[in-house]
């Protein structure tokens, strides 16, 4: 199954990082995606929009894939699943959305991580790899993110991969059934830090809870 999925992806679609890789989701990912999201439900729900009754259904997953495919073709969204580079297990997802070209060259970022894989540094590596791709290949100048003020671990992670706090928005997003304030961050192309400069002793403490930025709220996988 892994070889067939890889064979459908182009070189530009698959982003290989340090012990992880990212690629766009495909229909064959459904069963593993559903299992990981279901077992991580209580871990993810505090940071996400309220789940619907059909949140994990196959039809809902197919609808998401159709929407993502259209947005990718239009160049307005780049959704990825994050995988372990050795075992090929699905770890979570990272989305680049709301891409604005012209004088902005900007986008929004959000991600989610399966609970069993939190705290292992996977999201830090995946985020840095995707940011590098967005800046170097897609020629973005700025990537934005937002998270709840109580999500201190994700705030620390954002800062370690090059984001800077730029503001605070009241009732910014409707999360877990109610409007909630968010801390706003941005990373410029020159802000991205080289992955080798981050201490392994720091990375584990930085991935323990899932960041929910604007991209995930609008395009949760």
N, C-alpha and C. Protein backbone atom coordinates (compact mmCIF):
# COMPACT_ATOMS: atom_id res chain seq x y z
N UNK A 1 0.82 -1.21 0.00
CA UNK A 1 0.00 0.00 0.00
C UNK A 1 0.85 1.25 0.00
N UNK A 2 1.91 1.25 0.82
CA UNK A 2 2.78 2.44 0.89
C UNK A 2 3.39 2.75 -0.47
N UNK A 3 3.90 1.72 -1.16
CA UNK A 3 4.55 1.96 -2.44
C UNK A 3 3.57 2.49 -3.47
N UNK A 4 2.30 2.00 -3.44
CA UNK A 4 1.31 2.48 -4.40
C UNK A 4 0.97 3.94 -4.14
N UNK A 5 0.86 4.31 -2.86
CA UNK A 5 0.55 5.70 -2.53
C UNK A 5 1.69 6.61 -2.96
N UNK A 6 2.93 6.20 -2.67
CA UNK A 6 4.08 7.01 -3.05
C UNK A 6 4.15 7.16 -4.57
N UNK A 7 3.78 6.12 -5.32
CA UNK A 7 3.89 6.17 -6.77
C UNK A 7 2.92 7.18 -7.38
N UNK A 8 1.83 7.51 -6.66
CA UNK A 8 0.86 8.48 -7.17
C UNK A 8 1.28 9.92 -6.90
N UNK A 9 2.24 10.10 -6.02
CA UNK A 9 2.66 11.45 -5.63
C UNK A 9 3.82 11.91 -6.51
N UNK A 10 3.84 13.21 -6.84
CA UNK A 10 4.97 13.76 -7.57
C UNK A 10 6.08 14.12 -6.60
N UNK A 11 7.25 14.41 -7.14
CA UNK A 11 8.39 14.78 -6.30
C UNK A 11 8.07 16.00 -5.45
N UNK A 12 7.36 16.96 -6.04
CA UNK A 12 7.02 18.19 -5.30
C UNK A 12 5.99 17.94 -4.21
N UNK A 13 5.19 16.87 -4.35
CA UNK A 13 4.14 16.58 -3.37
C UNK A 13 4.70 16.03 -2.07
N UNK A 14 5.79 15.26 -2.12
CA UNK A 14 6.34 14.59 -0.95
C UNK A 14 7.51 15.39 -0.40
N UNK A 15 7.39 15.80 0.85
CA UNK A 15 8.42 16.61 1.50
C UNK A 15 9.08 15.76 2.58
N UNK A 16 10.34 15.46 2.43
CA UNK A 16 11.07 14.59 3.35
C UNK A 16 11.86 15.45 4.33
N UNK A 17 11.63 15.19 5.62
CA UNK A 17 12.33 15.91 6.67
C UNK A 17 13.14 14.97 7.53
N UNK A 18 13.51 15.42 8.71
CA UNK A 18 14.34 14.65 9.64
C UNK A 18 13.46 13.62 10.36
N UNK A 19 13.46 12.39 9.85
CA UNK A 19 12.69 11.31 10.46
C UNK A 19 11.20 11.36 10.18
N UNK A 20 10.77 12.30 9.34
CA UNK A 20 9.36 12.44 8.99
C UNK A 20 9.24 12.79 7.52
N UNK A 21 8.04 12.64 6.98
CA UNK A 21 7.77 13.18 5.65
C UNK A 21 6.31 13.62 5.59
N UNK A 22 6.03 14.51 4.67
CA UNK A 22 4.69 15.03 4.48
C UNK A 22 4.24 14.77 3.05
N UNK A 23 2.97 14.48 2.89
CA UNK A 23 2.37 14.36 1.56
C UNK A 23 0.89 14.68 1.66
N UNK A 24 0.27 15.06 0.54
CA UNK A 24 -1.16 15.32 0.55
C UNK A 24 -1.94 14.06 0.90
N UNK A 25 -3.06 14.18 1.61
CA UNK A 25 -3.87 13.01 1.95
C UNK A 25 -4.52 12.40 0.71
N UNK A 26 -4.74 11.08 0.76
CA UNK A 26 -5.41 10.36 -0.31
C UNK A 26 -6.49 9.47 0.30
N UNK A 27 -7.36 8.93 -0.54
CA UNK A 27 -8.47 8.12 -0.06
C UNK A 27 -8.00 6.94 0.79
N UNK A 28 -6.86 6.36 0.42
CA UNK A 28 -6.36 5.19 1.14
C UNK A 28 -5.97 5.50 2.58
N UNK A 29 -5.88 6.76 2.95
CA UNK A 29 -5.52 7.15 4.32
C UNK A 29 -6.71 7.10 5.27
N UNK A 30 -7.91 6.90 4.76
CA UNK A 30 -9.10 7.09 5.58
C UNK A 30 -9.09 6.26 6.87
N UNK A 31 -8.87 4.95 6.77
CA UNK A 31 -8.98 4.09 7.94
C UNK A 31 -8.00 4.50 9.04
N UNK A 32 -6.76 4.79 8.65
CA UNK A 32 -5.76 5.18 9.65
C UNK A 32 -6.07 6.56 10.22
N UNK A 33 -6.54 7.47 9.37
CA UNK A 33 -6.93 8.81 9.82
C UNK A 33 -8.07 8.72 10.83
N UNK A 34 -9.09 7.94 10.51
CA UNK A 34 -10.24 7.79 11.40
C UNK A 34 -9.82 7.22 12.75
N UNK A 35 -8.99 6.18 12.73
CA UNK A 35 -8.55 5.55 13.97
C UNK A 35 -7.78 6.53 14.84
N UNK A 36 -6.86 7.27 14.23
CA UNK A 36 -6.02 8.20 14.99
C UNK A 36 -6.85 9.36 15.54
N UNK A 37 -7.75 9.89 14.74
CA UNK A 37 -8.59 10.98 15.21
C UNK A 37 -9.55 10.52 16.31
N UNK A 38 -10.11 9.32 16.15
CA UNK A 38 -11.07 8.82 17.14
C UNK A 38 -10.39 8.59 18.49
N UNK A 39 -9.22 7.95 18.49
CA UNK A 39 -8.55 7.69 19.75
C UNK A 39 -8.00 8.96 20.39
N UNK A 40 -7.85 10.02 19.60
CA UNK A 40 -7.32 11.29 20.10
C UNK A 40 -8.43 12.32 20.32
N UNK A 41 -9.68 11.89 20.27
CA UNK A 41 -10.82 12.80 20.33
C UNK A 41 -10.75 13.76 21.52
N UNK A 42 -10.60 13.22 22.72
CA UNK A 42 -10.58 14.08 23.91
C UNK A 42 -9.35 14.97 23.96
N UNK A 43 -8.28 14.56 23.32
CA UNK A 43 -7.05 15.32 23.26
C UNK A 43 -7.18 16.50 22.30
N UNK A 44 -7.91 16.31 21.19
CA UNK A 44 -8.01 17.32 20.15
C UNK A 44 -9.18 18.28 20.32
N UNK A 45 -10.29 17.81 20.84
CA UNK A 45 -11.49 18.62 20.86
C UNK A 45 -11.36 19.98 21.56
N UNK A 46 -10.60 20.10 22.65
CA UNK A 46 -10.48 21.43 23.28
C UNK A 46 -9.89 22.49 22.37
N UNK A 47 -9.19 22.08 21.29
CA UNK A 47 -8.47 23.03 20.44
C UNK A 47 -9.10 23.16 19.05
N UNK A 48 -10.20 22.48 18.81
CA UNK A 48 -10.79 22.45 17.48
C UNK A 48 -12.24 22.93 17.50
N UNK A 49 -12.79 23.25 16.31
CA UNK A 49 -14.23 23.52 16.23
C UNK A 49 -15.00 22.28 16.70
N UNK A 50 -16.20 22.50 17.19
CA UNK A 50 -17.00 21.39 17.70
C UNK A 50 -17.21 20.33 16.63
N UNK A 51 -16.93 19.08 16.97
CA UNK A 51 -17.05 17.99 16.01
C UNK A 51 -18.53 17.73 15.70
N UNK A 52 -18.83 17.43 14.45
CA UNK A 52 -20.18 17.07 14.05
C UNK A 52 -20.39 15.57 14.25
N UNK A 53 -21.63 15.12 14.11
CA UNK A 53 -21.93 13.70 14.26
C UNK A 53 -21.28 12.87 13.16
N UNK A 54 -21.02 13.47 12.02
CA UNK A 54 -20.42 12.76 10.89
C UNK A 54 -18.95 13.12 10.69
N UNK A 55 -18.34 13.68 11.72
CA UNK A 55 -16.96 14.18 11.62
C UNK A 55 -15.99 13.16 11.05
N UNK A 56 -16.12 11.91 11.45
CA UNK A 56 -15.16 10.88 11.06
C UNK A 56 -15.71 9.93 10.00
N UNK A 57 -16.79 10.28 9.35
CA UNK A 57 -17.39 9.40 8.35
C UNK A 57 -16.57 9.40 7.07
N UNK A 58 -16.71 8.32 6.30
CA UNK A 58 -15.98 8.23 5.03
C UNK A 58 -16.46 9.29 4.05
N UNK A 59 -17.75 9.59 4.05
CA UNK A 59 -18.27 10.61 3.13
C UNK A 59 -17.70 11.99 3.47
N UNK A 60 -17.56 12.29 4.76
CA UNK A 60 -16.98 13.57 5.16
C UNK A 60 -15.51 13.65 4.75
N UNK A 61 -14.80 12.54 4.89
CA UNK A 61 -13.40 12.51 4.48
C UNK A 61 -13.27 12.72 2.97
N UNK A 62 -14.13 12.07 2.20
CA UNK A 62 -14.09 12.24 0.75
C UNK A 62 -14.40 13.68 0.34
N UNK A 63 -15.35 14.29 1.05
CA UNK A 63 -15.67 15.69 0.76
C UNK A 63 -14.47 16.58 1.01
N UNK A 64 -13.77 16.33 2.12
CA UNK A 64 -12.58 17.12 2.42
C UNK A 64 -11.54 16.96 1.31
N UNK A 65 -11.33 15.73 0.86
CA UNK A 65 -10.33 15.51 -0.18
C UNK A 65 -10.69 16.23 -1.47
N UNK A 66 -11.97 16.23 -1.83
CA UNK A 66 -12.39 16.95 -3.05
C UNK A 66 -12.14 18.45 -2.90
N UNK A 67 -12.45 18.97 -1.73
CA UNK A 67 -12.23 20.40 -1.48
C UNK A 67 -10.74 20.74 -1.49
N UNK A 68 -9.95 19.90 -0.83
CA UNK A 68 -8.51 20.15 -0.80
C UNK A 68 -7.89 20.08 -2.18
N UNK A 69 -8.35 19.13 -2.99
CA UNK A 69 -7.82 19.00 -4.34
C UNK A 69 -8.11 20.25 -5.16
N UNK A 70 -9.32 20.77 -5.05
CA UNK A 70 -9.68 21.98 -5.78
C UNK A 70 -8.86 23.17 -5.30
N UNK A 71 -8.68 23.28 -4.00
CA UNK A 71 -7.93 24.41 -3.44
C UNK A 71 -6.44 24.31 -3.77
N UNK A 72 -5.92 23.08 -3.80
CA UNK A 72 -4.51 22.90 -4.17
C UNK A 72 -4.29 23.30 -5.63
N UNK A 73 -5.22 22.90 -6.50
CA UNK A 73 -5.10 23.28 -7.91
C UNK A 73 -5.17 24.80 -8.08
N UNK A 74 -6.00 25.43 -7.25
CA UNK A 74 -6.13 26.89 -7.32
C UNK A 74 -4.97 27.61 -6.65
N UNK A 75 -4.15 26.86 -5.90
CA UNK A 75 -3.01 27.47 -5.21
C UNK A 75 -3.36 28.22 -3.96
N UNK A 76 -4.55 27.95 -3.38
CA UNK A 76 -4.98 28.68 -2.19
C UNK A 76 -4.81 27.88 -0.91
N UNK A 77 -4.49 26.59 -1.02
CA UNK A 77 -4.37 25.73 0.16
C UNK A 77 -3.42 24.59 -0.13
N UNK A 78 -2.64 24.20 0.89
CA UNK A 78 -1.69 23.10 0.76
C UNK A 78 -1.81 22.20 1.99
N UNK A 79 -2.77 21.26 2.00
CA UNK A 79 -2.94 20.35 3.14
C UNK A 79 -2.00 19.17 3.04
N UNK A 80 -1.41 18.78 4.17
CA UNK A 80 -0.49 17.65 4.21
C UNK A 80 -0.80 16.76 5.41
N UNK A 81 -0.56 15.47 5.24
CA UNK A 81 -0.49 14.55 6.36
C UNK A 81 0.97 14.37 6.72
N UNK A 82 1.23 14.16 8.01
CA UNK A 82 2.59 13.98 8.53
C UNK A 82 2.78 12.51 8.90
N UNK A 83 3.88 11.91 8.42
CA UNK A 83 4.14 10.49 8.63
C UNK A 83 5.51 10.26 9.26
N UNK A 84 5.62 9.17 10.01
CA UNK A 84 6.91 8.70 10.50
C UNK A 84 7.72 8.21 9.32
N UNK A 85 8.96 8.69 9.19
CA UNK A 85 9.78 8.33 8.05
C UNK A 85 10.23 6.89 8.01
N UNK A 86 10.22 6.20 9.15
CA UNK A 86 10.65 4.81 9.21
C UNK A 86 9.48 3.83 9.14
N UNK A 87 8.43 4.10 9.92
CA UNK A 87 7.30 3.17 10.01
C UNK A 87 6.17 3.53 9.05
N UNK A 88 6.18 4.73 8.51
CA UNK A 88 5.14 5.25 7.62
C UNK A 88 3.80 5.40 8.33
N UNK A 89 3.80 5.43 9.64
CA UNK A 89 2.56 5.63 10.40
C UNK A 89 2.12 7.08 10.31
N UNK A 90 0.82 7.28 10.19
CA UNK A 90 0.26 8.62 10.20
C UNK A 90 0.39 9.23 11.59
N UNK A 91 0.95 10.43 11.67
CA UNK A 91 1.18 11.11 12.95
C UNK A 91 0.20 12.24 13.20
N UNK A 92 -0.19 12.94 12.14
CA UNK A 92 -1.05 14.10 12.26
C UNK A 92 -1.17 14.80 10.92
N UNK A 93 -1.49 16.08 10.96
CA UNK A 93 -1.63 16.85 9.73
C UNK A 93 -1.21 18.29 9.92
N UNK A 94 -0.73 18.90 8.84
CA UNK A 94 -0.37 20.32 8.83
C UNK A 94 -0.99 20.95 7.59
N UNK A 95 -1.64 22.08 7.78
CA UNK A 95 -2.30 22.78 6.67
C UNK A 95 -1.73 24.17 6.47
N UNK A 96 -1.45 24.50 5.22
CA UNK A 96 -1.18 25.88 4.82
C UNK A 96 -2.39 26.32 4.02
N UNK A 97 -3.08 27.36 4.51
CA UNK A 97 -4.34 27.77 3.88
C UNK A 97 -4.38 29.28 3.70
N UNK A 98 -5.47 29.73 3.05
CA UNK A 98 -5.70 31.16 2.83
C UNK A 98 -4.47 31.82 2.20
N UNK A 99 -3.92 31.20 1.18
CA UNK A 99 -2.74 31.74 0.50
C UNK A 99 -3.14 33.01 -0.25
N UNK A 100 -2.41 34.08 0.02
CA UNK A 100 -2.64 35.36 -0.66
C UNK A 100 -1.37 35.72 -1.43
N UNK A 101 -1.55 35.96 -2.71
CA UNK A 101 -0.41 36.30 -3.56
C UNK A 101 -0.31 37.82 -3.73
N UNK A 102 0.44 38.24 -4.73
CA UNK A 102 0.59 39.67 -5.01
C UNK A 102 1.44 40.35 -3.97
N UNK A 103 0.95 41.45 -3.43
CA UNK A 103 1.74 42.24 -2.49
C UNK A 103 1.85 41.58 -1.13
N UNK A 104 1.05 40.54 -0.85
CA UNK A 104 1.08 39.87 0.47
C UNK A 104 2.04 38.70 0.51
N UNK A 105 1.90 37.76 -0.44
CA UNK A 105 2.68 36.52 -0.43
C UNK A 105 2.64 35.89 0.96
N UNK A 106 1.42 35.69 1.47
CA UNK A 106 1.23 35.23 2.84
C UNK A 106 0.22 34.09 2.90
N UNK A 107 0.18 33.40 4.04
CA UNK A 107 -0.74 32.29 4.23
C UNK A 107 -0.92 32.05 5.72
N UNK A 108 -1.87 31.17 6.07
CA UNK A 108 -2.11 30.77 7.45
C UNK A 108 -1.70 29.31 7.63
N UNK A 109 -1.29 28.95 8.85
CA UNK A 109 -0.89 27.59 9.15
C UNK A 109 -1.61 27.06 10.38
N UNK A 110 -1.98 25.79 10.34
CA UNK A 110 -2.53 25.11 11.51
C UNK A 110 -2.14 23.65 11.46
N UNK A 111 -2.21 22.97 12.60
CA UNK A 111 -1.89 21.55 12.57
C UNK A 111 -2.62 20.79 13.67
N UNK A 112 -2.62 19.47 13.56
CA UNK A 112 -3.12 18.60 14.62
C UNK A 112 -2.19 17.39 14.73
N UNK A 113 -2.09 16.85 15.93
CA UNK A 113 -1.21 15.72 16.19
C UNK A 113 -1.96 14.63 16.95
N UNK A 114 -1.80 13.38 16.54
CA UNK A 114 -2.38 12.28 17.28
C UNK A 114 -1.79 12.20 18.68
N UNK A 115 -2.62 11.90 19.66
CA UNK A 115 -2.17 11.96 21.05
C UNK A 115 -1.00 11.04 21.34
N UNK A 116 -1.00 9.85 20.76
CA UNK A 116 0.06 8.88 21.07
C UNK A 116 1.43 9.33 20.56
N UNK A 117 1.45 10.29 19.63
CA UNK A 117 2.72 10.75 19.06
C UNK A 117 3.15 12.12 19.59
N UNK A 118 2.34 12.72 20.45
CA UNK A 118 2.67 14.04 20.99
C UNK A 118 3.88 13.94 21.92
N UNK A 119 4.72 14.95 21.90
CA UNK A 119 5.87 14.99 22.79
C UNK A 119 7.11 14.31 22.25
N UNK A 120 7.11 13.97 20.96
CA UNK A 120 8.25 13.25 20.37
C UNK A 120 9.04 14.10 19.39
N UNK A 121 8.66 15.35 19.18
CA UNK A 121 9.39 16.22 18.26
C UNK A 121 8.96 16.13 16.82
N UNK A 122 7.98 15.27 16.50
CA UNK A 122 7.57 15.09 15.12
C UNK A 122 6.98 16.37 14.52
N UNK A 123 6.13 17.04 15.27
CA UNK A 123 5.48 18.23 14.73
C UNK A 123 6.46 19.36 14.51
N UNK A 124 7.43 19.49 15.38
CA UNK A 124 8.45 20.52 15.18
C UNK A 124 9.20 20.28 13.87
N UNK A 125 9.58 19.02 13.62
CA UNK A 125 10.32 18.71 12.39
C UNK A 125 9.44 18.89 11.16
N UNK A 126 8.20 18.44 11.25
CA UNK A 126 7.30 18.58 10.12
C UNK A 126 6.99 20.02 9.79
N UNK A 127 6.78 20.82 10.82
CA UNK A 127 6.47 22.23 10.62
C UNK A 127 7.63 22.96 9.97
N UNK A 128 8.83 22.70 10.44
CA UNK A 128 9.99 23.36 9.85
C UNK A 128 10.19 22.96 8.40
N UNK A 129 9.97 21.67 8.11
CA UNK A 129 10.14 21.22 6.72
C UNK A 129 9.12 21.88 5.80
N UNK A 130 7.88 21.97 6.26
CA UNK A 130 6.85 22.57 5.43
C UNK A 130 7.06 24.07 5.28
N UNK A 131 7.46 24.74 6.34
CA UNK A 131 7.74 26.17 6.23
C UNK A 131 8.85 26.44 5.22
N UNK A 132 9.90 25.63 5.28
CA UNK A 132 11.00 25.80 4.32
C UNK A 132 10.49 25.66 2.89
N UNK A 133 9.61 24.68 2.66
CA UNK A 133 9.05 24.48 1.33
C UNK A 133 8.20 25.67 0.91
N UNK A 134 7.41 26.17 1.82
CA UNK A 134 6.54 27.30 1.49
C UNK A 134 7.34 28.55 1.14
N UNK A 135 8.42 28.77 1.88
CA UNK A 135 9.23 29.96 1.62
C UNK A 135 10.11 29.80 0.38
N UNK A 136 10.69 28.64 0.20
CA UNK A 136 11.65 28.46 -0.89
C UNK A 136 10.98 28.07 -2.21
N UNK A 137 9.98 27.20 -2.15
CA UNK A 137 9.35 26.71 -3.37
C UNK A 137 8.13 27.54 -3.76
N UNK A 138 7.27 27.83 -2.80
CA UNK A 138 6.07 28.60 -3.09
C UNK A 138 6.30 30.11 -3.01
N UNK A 139 7.48 30.50 -2.57
CA UNK A 139 7.90 31.91 -2.54
C UNK A 139 7.01 32.78 -1.65
N UNK A 140 6.51 32.18 -0.56
CA UNK A 140 5.78 33.00 0.40
C UNK A 140 6.75 33.86 1.20
N UNK A 141 6.26 34.98 1.68
CA UNK A 141 7.08 35.86 2.51
C UNK A 141 6.69 35.76 3.99
N UNK A 142 5.44 35.36 4.24
CA UNK A 142 4.92 35.39 5.60
C UNK A 142 3.92 34.25 5.81
N UNK A 143 4.06 33.55 6.94
CA UNK A 143 3.10 32.52 7.35
C UNK A 143 2.60 32.88 8.73
N UNK A 144 1.29 32.89 8.90
CA UNK A 144 0.67 33.29 10.16
C UNK A 144 0.09 32.07 10.88
N UNK A 145 -0.07 32.17 12.19
CA UNK A 145 -0.69 31.12 12.99
C UNK A 145 -1.36 31.77 14.19
N UNK A 146 -2.30 31.05 14.77
CA UNK A 146 -3.00 31.55 15.95
C UNK A 146 -3.30 30.38 16.87
N UNK A 147 -3.18 30.59 18.17
CA UNK A 147 -3.52 29.52 19.11
C UNK A 147 -4.11 30.12 20.38
N UNK A 148 -4.78 29.27 21.14
CA UNK A 148 -5.40 29.72 22.39
C UNK A 148 -4.33 30.15 23.38
N UNK A 149 -4.59 31.18 24.18
CA UNK A 149 -3.60 31.63 25.16
C UNK A 149 -3.21 30.56 26.16
N UNK A 150 -4.09 29.61 26.41
CA UNK A 150 -3.80 28.53 27.37
C UNK A 150 -2.92 27.44 26.78
N UNK A 151 -2.70 27.46 25.48
CA UNK A 151 -1.90 26.42 24.83
C UNK A 151 -0.41 26.81 24.87
N UNK A 152 0.14 26.80 26.06
CA UNK A 152 1.51 27.29 26.26
C UNK A 152 2.55 26.45 25.53
N UNK A 153 2.30 25.15 25.41
CA UNK A 153 3.26 24.30 24.73
C UNK A 153 3.36 24.66 23.25
N UNK A 154 2.22 24.89 22.62
CA UNK A 154 2.23 25.26 21.21
C UNK A 154 2.81 26.65 20.99
N UNK A 155 2.58 27.54 21.93
CA UNK A 155 3.20 28.86 21.84
C UNK A 155 4.72 28.72 21.85
N UNK A 156 5.22 27.86 22.73
CA UNK A 156 6.66 27.62 22.77
C UNK A 156 7.18 27.00 21.50
N UNK A 157 6.41 26.08 20.93
CA UNK A 157 6.83 25.45 19.68
C UNK A 157 6.90 26.46 18.54
N UNK A 158 5.87 27.30 18.44
CA UNK A 158 5.87 28.31 17.39
C UNK A 158 7.10 29.21 17.49
N UNK A 159 7.42 29.63 18.69
CA UNK A 159 8.57 30.51 18.87
C UNK A 159 9.87 29.81 18.50
N UNK A 160 9.97 28.52 18.80
CA UNK A 160 11.22 27.80 18.50
C UNK A 160 11.43 27.59 17.01
N UNK A 161 10.37 27.52 16.23
CA UNK A 161 10.55 27.31 14.80
C UNK A 161 10.59 28.62 14.02
N UNK A 162 10.56 29.75 14.73
CA UNK A 162 10.78 31.02 14.06
C UNK A 162 9.63 32.00 14.08
N UNK A 163 8.51 31.65 14.70
CA UNK A 163 7.38 32.58 14.77
C UNK A 163 7.60 33.63 15.85
N UNK A 164 7.00 34.79 15.62
CA UNK A 164 7.04 35.89 16.59
C UNK A 164 5.60 36.30 16.92
N UNK A 165 5.35 36.59 18.19
CA UNK A 165 4.03 37.03 18.60
C UNK A 165 3.77 38.44 18.06
N UNK A 166 2.61 38.62 17.42
CA UNK A 166 2.32 39.91 16.79
C UNK A 166 1.03 40.55 17.30
N UNK A 167 0.28 39.83 18.13
CA UNK A 167 -0.95 40.46 18.60
C UNK A 167 -1.86 39.50 19.36
N UNK A 168 -3.01 40.03 19.72
CA UNK A 168 -4.01 39.28 20.48
C UNK A 168 -5.37 39.64 19.92
N UNK A 169 -6.16 38.61 19.57
CA UNK A 169 -7.47 38.85 18.96
C UNK A 169 -8.58 38.31 19.86
N UNK A 170 -9.50 39.17 20.24
CA UNK A 170 -10.63 38.76 21.08
C UNK A 170 -11.67 38.02 20.25
N UNK A 171 -12.21 36.94 20.84
CA UNK A 171 -13.24 36.13 20.16
C UNK A 171 -12.87 35.86 18.71
N UNK A 172 -11.68 35.41 18.49
CA UNK A 172 -11.12 35.30 17.14
C UNK A 172 -11.71 34.12 16.37
N UNK A 173 -11.84 32.96 17.04
CA UNK A 173 -12.32 31.75 16.36
C UNK A 173 -13.29 30.99 17.26
N UNK A 174 -14.21 30.28 16.62
CA UNK A 174 -15.22 29.50 17.35
C UNK A 174 -14.67 28.10 17.60
N UNK A 175 -14.13 27.88 18.79
CA UNK A 175 -13.44 26.65 19.14
C UNK A 175 -14.21 25.90 20.23
N UNK A 176 -14.41 24.62 20.00
CA UNK A 176 -15.06 23.75 20.98
C UNK A 176 -16.39 24.33 21.47
N UNK A 177 -17.13 24.90 20.53
CA UNK A 177 -18.48 25.36 20.84
C UNK A 177 -18.63 26.78 21.31
N UNK A 178 -17.54 27.55 21.38
CA UNK A 178 -17.68 28.96 21.81
C UNK A 178 -16.57 29.82 21.21
N UNK A 179 -16.85 31.10 21.09
CA UNK A 179 -15.86 32.05 20.59
C UNK A 179 -14.76 32.21 21.63
N UNK A 180 -13.51 32.17 21.17
CA UNK A 180 -12.39 32.25 22.10
C UNK A 180 -11.30 33.18 21.57
N UNK A 181 -10.62 33.84 22.51
CA UNK A 181 -9.50 34.70 22.17
C UNK A 181 -8.33 33.86 21.66
N UNK A 182 -7.49 34.47 20.82
CA UNK A 182 -6.30 33.79 20.31
C UNK A 182 -5.09 34.72 20.33
N UNK A 183 -3.93 34.13 20.54
CA UNK A 183 -2.66 34.84 20.38
C UNK A 183 -2.24 34.67 18.93
N UNK A 184 -1.81 35.76 18.31
CA UNK A 184 -1.45 35.76 16.88
C UNK A 184 0.06 35.75 16.70
N UNK A 185 0.52 34.96 15.72
CA UNK A 185 1.94 34.82 15.44
C UNK A 185 2.18 34.94 13.94
N UNK A 186 3.41 35.28 13.59
CA UNK A 186 3.82 35.30 12.19
C UNK A 186 5.28 34.90 12.08
N UNK A 187 5.59 34.22 10.98
CA UNK A 187 6.97 33.84 10.66
C UNK A 187 7.28 34.36 9.27
N UNK A 188 8.32 35.16 9.14
CA UNK A 188 8.77 35.65 7.84
C UNK A 188 9.82 34.70 7.27
N UNK A 189 10.05 34.80 6.00
CA UNK A 189 10.99 33.89 5.36
C UNK A 189 12.36 33.94 6.01
N UNK A 190 12.78 35.12 6.47
CA UNK A 190 14.10 35.23 7.10
C UNK A 190 14.10 34.77 8.56
N UNK A 191 12.91 34.48 9.11
CA UNK A 191 12.82 34.05 10.50
C UNK A 191 13.04 32.56 10.70
N UNK A 192 12.87 31.78 9.66
CA UNK A 192 12.92 30.33 9.80
C UNK A 192 14.29 29.89 10.28
N UNK A 193 14.31 29.15 11.36
CA UNK A 193 15.57 28.70 11.94
C UNK A 193 15.98 27.36 11.35
N UNK A 194 17.27 27.17 11.18
CA UNK A 194 17.79 25.90 10.68
C UNK A 194 17.55 24.81 11.71
N UNK A 195 17.06 23.67 11.28
CA UNK A 195 16.64 22.61 12.18
C UNK A 195 17.77 22.11 13.09
N UNK A 196 18.98 22.14 12.61
CA UNK A 196 20.10 21.62 13.39
C UNK A 196 20.46 22.50 14.59
N UNK A 197 19.93 23.73 14.63
CA UNK A 197 20.27 24.62 15.74
C UNK A 197 19.37 24.41 16.95
N UNK A 198 18.32 23.58 16.82
CA UNK A 198 17.41 23.34 17.93
C UNK A 198 17.89 22.15 18.75
N UNK A 199 18.00 22.34 20.05
CA UNK A 199 18.50 21.30 20.93
C UNK A 199 17.52 20.15 21.05
N UNK A 200 17.98 18.88 20.92
CA UNK A 200 17.09 17.73 21.12
C UNK A 200 16.45 17.72 22.49
N UNK A 201 17.11 18.31 23.48
CA UNK A 201 16.54 18.32 24.84
C UNK A 201 15.36 19.25 24.95
N UNK A 202 15.23 20.17 23.99
CA UNK A 202 14.13 21.12 24.01
C UNK A 202 12.96 20.61 23.18
N UNK A 203 13.22 19.92 22.08
CA UNK A 203 12.19 19.60 21.12
C UNK A 203 11.08 18.74 21.71
N UNK A 204 11.39 17.81 22.62
CA UNK A 204 10.38 16.92 23.15
C UNK A 204 9.33 17.67 23.95
N UNK A 205 9.74 18.68 24.69
CA UNK A 205 8.79 19.43 25.50
C UNK A 205 7.95 20.38 24.68
N UNK A 206 8.24 20.51 23.40
CA UNK A 206 7.53 21.47 22.59
C UNK A 206 6.42 20.94 21.74
N UNK A 207 6.12 19.64 21.78
CA UNK A 207 5.10 19.08 20.91
C UNK A 207 3.99 18.38 21.67
N UNK A 208 3.77 18.71 22.92
CA UNK A 208 2.88 17.90 23.75
C UNK A 208 1.40 18.21 23.56
N UNK A 209 1.05 19.31 22.92
CA UNK A 209 -0.36 19.57 22.68
C UNK A 209 -0.52 20.18 21.30
N UNK A 210 -1.69 20.01 20.67
CA UNK A 210 -1.85 20.40 19.28
C UNK A 210 -2.17 21.86 19.10
N UNK A 211 -1.41 22.52 18.25
CA UNK A 211 -1.71 23.90 17.88
C UNK A 211 -2.93 23.92 16.97
N UNK A 212 -3.83 24.85 17.20
CA UNK A 212 -4.95 25.03 16.30
C UNK A 212 -4.91 26.43 15.75
N UNK A 213 -4.33 26.57 14.56
CA UNK A 213 -4.29 27.87 13.92
C UNK A 213 -5.49 28.05 13.01
N UNK A 214 -5.59 29.19 12.36
CA UNK A 214 -6.74 29.50 11.52
C UNK A 214 -6.87 28.50 10.40
N UNK A 215 -5.73 28.01 9.88
CA UNK A 215 -5.81 27.06 8.79
C UNK A 215 -6.52 25.78 9.17
N UNK A 216 -6.29 25.26 10.38
CA UNK A 216 -6.95 24.04 10.79
C UNK A 216 -8.42 24.28 11.09
N UNK A 217 -8.74 25.45 11.60
CA UNK A 217 -10.13 25.70 11.94
C UNK A 217 -10.98 25.68 10.68
N UNK A 218 -10.46 26.21 9.60
CA UNK A 218 -11.21 26.25 8.36
C UNK A 218 -11.08 24.94 7.57
N UNK A 219 -10.01 24.22 7.79
CA UNK A 219 -9.73 23.06 6.94
C UNK A 219 -9.23 21.87 7.75
N UNK A 220 -9.88 21.53 8.82
CA UNK A 220 -9.43 20.40 9.64
C UNK A 220 -9.49 19.11 8.86
N UNK A 221 -8.42 18.31 8.95
CA UNK A 221 -8.36 17.06 8.21
C UNK A 221 -9.05 15.96 9.00
